[in-house]
């Protein structure tokens, strides 16, 4: 049965059982046929989403799915699957994984290079230096390039999606808006109160000591 890579296959042995739950209705033909088809279809549907390199996960998923099913009213089917992988299929999967990893690395490097170029071209000063280094005999064409790149934004930095990133951005914005000693004093007091409330007494004490002005000639704490 095909794995996530259609040309790479699992070797599958399915052991199944079935029973007809409506004994009074016996005119159903050979019930083994739909039962076997159901088990094969269920196994194939789950295995095509797994890699042969992760045999344990594929085995768990298949066994869980084949526990019990009802391909038609009155027919109860259950089964177990034994999975194995031929050496040739495993080798194909490993080669595919290596190529995919190499492609991902190449793609990442290309994106990084383009982001760096975008950062240079979006900054007038960096763009001028880059143009002079790349085309020293065509400096007069720089104005045409600038016009063509008008409105080009700088690449966006990868944003943190965790609490640490949110706090870092908030603190940066807050500190930027502090202009007077009074504002800084209020900020430090609020910070110390917050750290104390959170149980970080050591950090609160460090914030106080770092903020406290030193007497002339004294040794900083």
Protein backbone atom coordinates (compact mmCIF):
# COMPACT_ATOMS: atom_id res chain seq x y z
CA UNK A 1 0.00 0.00 0.00
CA UNK A 2 1.25 3.45 -0.92
CA UNK A 3 2.79 5.66 1.74
CA UNK A 4 2.83 9.45 1.81
CA UNK A 5 5.16 9.14 -1.19
CA UNK A 6 3.07 7.31 -3.75
CA UNK A 7 6.01 5.36 -5.21
CA UNK A 8 7.13 4.14 -1.76
CA UNK A 9 5.02 1.39 -0.21
CA UNK A 10 4.26 -0.35 3.05
CA UNK A 11 3.98 -4.10 3.08
CA UNK A 12 0.71 -4.82 4.90
CA UNK A 13 -0.85 -7.96 6.31
CA UNK A 14 -4.40 -7.48 7.60
CA UNK A 15 -6.12 -10.00 9.83
CA UNK A 16 -9.82 -9.31 10.03
CA UNK A 17 -13.05 -10.64 11.42
CA UNK A 18 -16.65 -9.79 10.69
CA UNK A 19 -20.11 -10.71 11.77
CA UNK A 20 -23.62 -10.14 10.58
CA UNK A 21 -25.66 -8.56 13.37
CA UNK A 22 -29.08 -9.21 11.79
CA UNK A 23 -29.40 -13.03 11.93
CA UNK A 24 -32.95 -12.99 10.55
CA UNK A 25 -31.76 -11.40 7.31
CA UNK A 26 -29.40 -13.91 5.69
CA UNK A 27 -29.79 -13.10 2.00
CA UNK A 28 -26.65 -10.97 1.77
CA UNK A 29 -24.30 -13.13 -0.30
CA UNK A 30 -20.65 -13.52 0.63
CA UNK A 31 -20.10 -10.96 3.42
CA UNK A 32 -16.35 -11.59 3.39
CA UNK A 33 -16.03 -9.56 0.18
CA UNK A 34 -17.31 -6.20 1.53
CA UNK A 35 -15.56 -6.87 4.84
CA UNK A 36 -12.16 -7.36 3.21
CA UNK A 37 -12.71 -4.38 0.92
CA UNK A 38 -13.59 -2.22 3.92
CA UNK A 39 -10.45 -3.20 5.83
CA UNK A 40 -8.21 -2.64 2.80
CA UNK A 41 -9.77 0.74 2.06
CA UNK A 42 -9.45 1.88 5.67
CA UNK A 43 -5.80 0.82 5.88
CA UNK A 44 -4.90 2.40 2.54
CA UNK A 45 -6.59 5.66 3.54
CA UNK A 46 -4.49 6.05 6.68
CA UNK A 47 -1.17 4.74 5.34
CA UNK A 48 -1.09 7.24 2.46
CA UNK A 49 -0.65 9.96 5.10
CA UNK A 50 2.39 8.39 6.78
CA UNK A 51 6.03 7.89 5.97
CA UNK A 52 7.62 4.46 5.87
CA UNK A 53 10.41 5.99 7.96
CA UNK A 54 7.95 6.36 10.85
CA UNK A 55 6.67 2.81 10.98
CA UNK A 56 5.53 2.95 14.61
CA UNK A 57 3.22 5.93 14.03
CA UNK A 58 1.75 4.32 10.92
CA UNK A 59 1.20 1.07 12.80
CA UNK A 60 -0.54 2.80 15.71
CA UNK A 61 -2.80 4.83 13.43
CA UNK A 62 -3.78 1.81 11.34
CA UNK A 63 -4.47 -0.47 14.29
CA UNK A 64 -6.63 2.20 15.93
CA UNK A 65 -8.65 2.76 12.78
CA UNK A 66 -9.30 -0.94 12.11
CA UNK A 67 -10.67 -1.70 15.58
CA UNK A 68 -14.29 -1.63 14.47
CA UNK A 69 -16.26 -0.42 11.50
CA UNK A 70 -19.59 -0.81 9.73
CA UNK A 71 -19.18 -0.85 5.94
CA UNK A 72 -22.90 -1.56 5.56
CA UNK A 73 -25.89 -1.80 7.91
CA UNK A 74 -25.72 -5.03 9.87
CA UNK A 75 -22.11 -5.89 9.02
CA UNK A 76 -19.62 -5.37 11.82
CA UNK A 77 -15.94 -5.54 10.82
CA UNK A 78 -12.73 -5.30 12.85
CA UNK A 79 -9.12 -6.08 12.12
CA UNK A 80 -5.44 -5.67 12.91
CA UNK A 81 -2.59 -4.81 10.59
CA UNK A 82 1.04 -5.87 10.57
CA UNK A 83 3.28 -3.42 8.74
CA UNK A 84 6.76 -3.85 7.36
CA UNK A 85 8.92 -2.00 4.88
CA UNK A 86 11.15 -3.53 2.22
CA UNK A 87 14.74 -2.37 2.16
CA UNK A 88 14.29 -0.84 -1.30
CA UNK A 89 11.29 1.21 -0.17
CA UNK A 90 13.12 2.43 2.92
CA UNK A 91 16.10 3.46 0.79
CA UNK A 92 13.81 5.40 -1.57
CA UNK A 93 12.18 7.18 1.36
CA UNK A 94 15.55 8.10 2.86
CA UNK A 95 16.75 9.48 -0.48
CA UNK A 96 13.56 11.49 -0.84
CA UNK A 97 14.00 12.89 2.68
CA UNK A 98 17.59 13.93 1.91
CA UNK A 99 16.53 15.69 -1.29
CA UNK A 100 13.64 17.41 0.48
CA UNK A 101 15.95 18.63 3.22
CA UNK A 102 18.44 19.94 0.67
CA UNK A 103 15.65 21.72 -1.21
CA UNK A 104 14.35 23.26 2.02
CA UNK A 105 17.83 24.53 2.91
CA UNK A 106 18.33 25.98 -0.56
CA UNK A 107 14.92 27.65 -0.43
CA UNK A 108 15.68 29.12 3.01
CA UNK A 109 19.02 30.50 1.84
CA UNK A 110 17.39 32.07 -1.22
CA UNK A 111 14.70 33.72 0.90
CA UNK A 112 17.38 35.07 3.25
CA UNK A 113 19.39 36.45 0.33
CA UNK A 114 16.33 38.16 -1.15
CA UNK A 115 15.36 39.62 2.24
CA UNK A 116 18.87 41.06 2.61
CA UNK A 117 18.67 42.56 -0.88
CA UNK A 118 15.25 44.03 -0.13
CA UNK A 119 16.61 45.59 3.06
CA UNK A 120 19.44 47.21 1.08
CA UNK A 121 17.24 48.45 -1.75
CA UNK A 122 14.61 49.87 0.61
CA UNK A 123 17.21 52.00 2.44
CA UNK A 124 18.38 54.97 0.31
CA UNK A 125 21.83 55.11 1.93
CA UNK A 126 22.49 51.39 1.71
CA UNK A 127 21.11 51.34 -1.83
CA UNK A 128 23.54 54.04 -2.94
CA UNK A 129 26.54 52.19 -1.49
CA UNK A 130 25.36 48.87 -2.96
CA UNK A 131 24.88 50.43 -6.41
CA UNK A 132 28.32 52.03 -6.33
CA UNK A 133 29.89 48.69 -5.41
CA UNK A 134 27.95 46.71 -8.02
CA UNK A 135 27.95 49.21 -10.91
CA UNK A 136 30.67 51.83 -10.37
CA UNK A 137 30.46 52.96 -13.99
CA UNK A 138 26.68 53.49 -13.96
CA UNK A 139 26.17 55.87 -11.06
CA UNK A 140 23.99 58.12 -13.22
CA UNK A 141 21.41 55.32 -13.44
CA UNK A 142 20.88 55.28 -9.67
CA UNK A 143 18.05 57.81 -9.90
CA UNK A 144 16.19 55.55 -12.31
CA UNK A 145 16.57 52.64 -9.87
CA UNK A 146 15.32 54.79 -6.99
CA UNK A 147 12.27 55.75 -9.00
CA UNK A 148 11.56 52.13 -9.90
CA UNK A 149 11.86 51.08 -6.25
CA UNK A 150 9.69 53.89 -4.92
CA UNK A 151 7.49 52.55 -2.16
CA UNK A 152 9.46 49.35 -1.65
CA UNK A 153 9.01 48.43 2.04
CA UNK A 154 11.77 47.04 4.22
CA UNK A 155 11.36 43.31 4.93
CA UNK A 156 9.36 42.57 8.04
CA UNK A 157 11.26 40.94 10.84
CA UNK A 158 10.00 37.59 12.10
CA UNK A 159 7.68 38.36 14.95
CA UNK A 160 7.75 36.40 18.19
CA UNK A 161 4.44 34.72 18.87
CA UNK A 162 5.06 33.99 22.52
CA UNK A 163 4.70 35.97 25.72
CA UNK A 164 8.37 36.90 25.74
CA UNK A 165 8.08 38.62 22.36
CA UNK A 166 4.92 40.50 23.40
CA UNK A 167 6.59 41.77 26.57
CA UNK A 168 9.75 42.76 24.70
CA UNK A 169 7.85 44.84 22.16
CA UNK A 170 5.70 46.44 24.85
CA UNK A 171 8.72 47.41 26.95
CA UNK A 172 10.52 48.82 23.90
CA UNK A 173 7.52 50.98 23.03
CA UNK A 174 7.09 52.09 26.62
CA UNK A 175 10.71 53.05 27.16
CA UNK A 176 10.69 55.01 23.91
CA UNK A 177 7.89 57.22 25.24
CA UNK A 178 9.66 58.03 28.54
CA UNK A 179 11.21 61.50 28.30
CA UNK A 180 11.36 62.99 31.81
CA UNK A 181 12.93 61.77 35.07
CA UNK A 182 9.46 61.80 36.64
CA UNK A 183 8.14 59.40 34.01
CA UNK A 184 11.11 57.09 34.48
CA UNK A 185 10.57 57.12 38.26
CA UNK A 186 6.92 56.15 37.86
CA UNK A 187 7.89 53.38 35.48
CA UNK A 188 10.48 51.89 37.85
CA UNK A 189 8.04 52.01 40.78
CA UNK A 190 5.38 50.23 38.74
CA UNK A 191 7.95 47.64 37.62
CA UNK A 192 9.07 46.95 41.19
CA UNK A 193 5.46 46.59 42.37
CA UNK A 194 4.70 44.16 39.53
CA UNK A 195 7.78 42.02 40.22
CA UNK A 196 6.96 41.94 43.93
CA UNK A 197 3.36 40.90 43.25
CA UNK A 198 4.61 38.08 41.00
CA UNK A 199 6.92 36.84 43.75
CA UNK A 200 10.17 37.90 42.07
CA UNK A 201 11.59 39.74 45.07
CA UNK A 202 15.18 39.29 43.91
CA UNK A 203 14.46 40.99 40.58
CA UNK A 204 12.51 43.74 42.33
CA UNK A 205 15.46 44.43 44.64
CA UNK A 206 17.86 44.44 41.68
CA UNK A 207 15.65 46.97 39.85
CA UNK A 208 15.66 49.27 42.90
CA UNK A 209 19.44 49.06 43.35
CA UNK A 210 20.10 49.64 39.66
CA UNK A 211 17.84 52.68 39.61
CA UNK A 212 19.05 54.24 42.92
CA UNK A 213 21.49 57.15 42.37
CA UNK A 214 24.88 56.74 44.03
CA UNK A 215 26.32 59.23 46.50
CA UNK A 216 29.33 61.16 45.15
CA UNK A 217 32.45 59.13 45.73
CA UNK A 218 30.62 56.02 46.82
CA UNK A 219 31.00 52.58 45.33
CA UNK A 220 28.00 51.46 43.24
CA UNK A 221 26.03 48.62 44.84
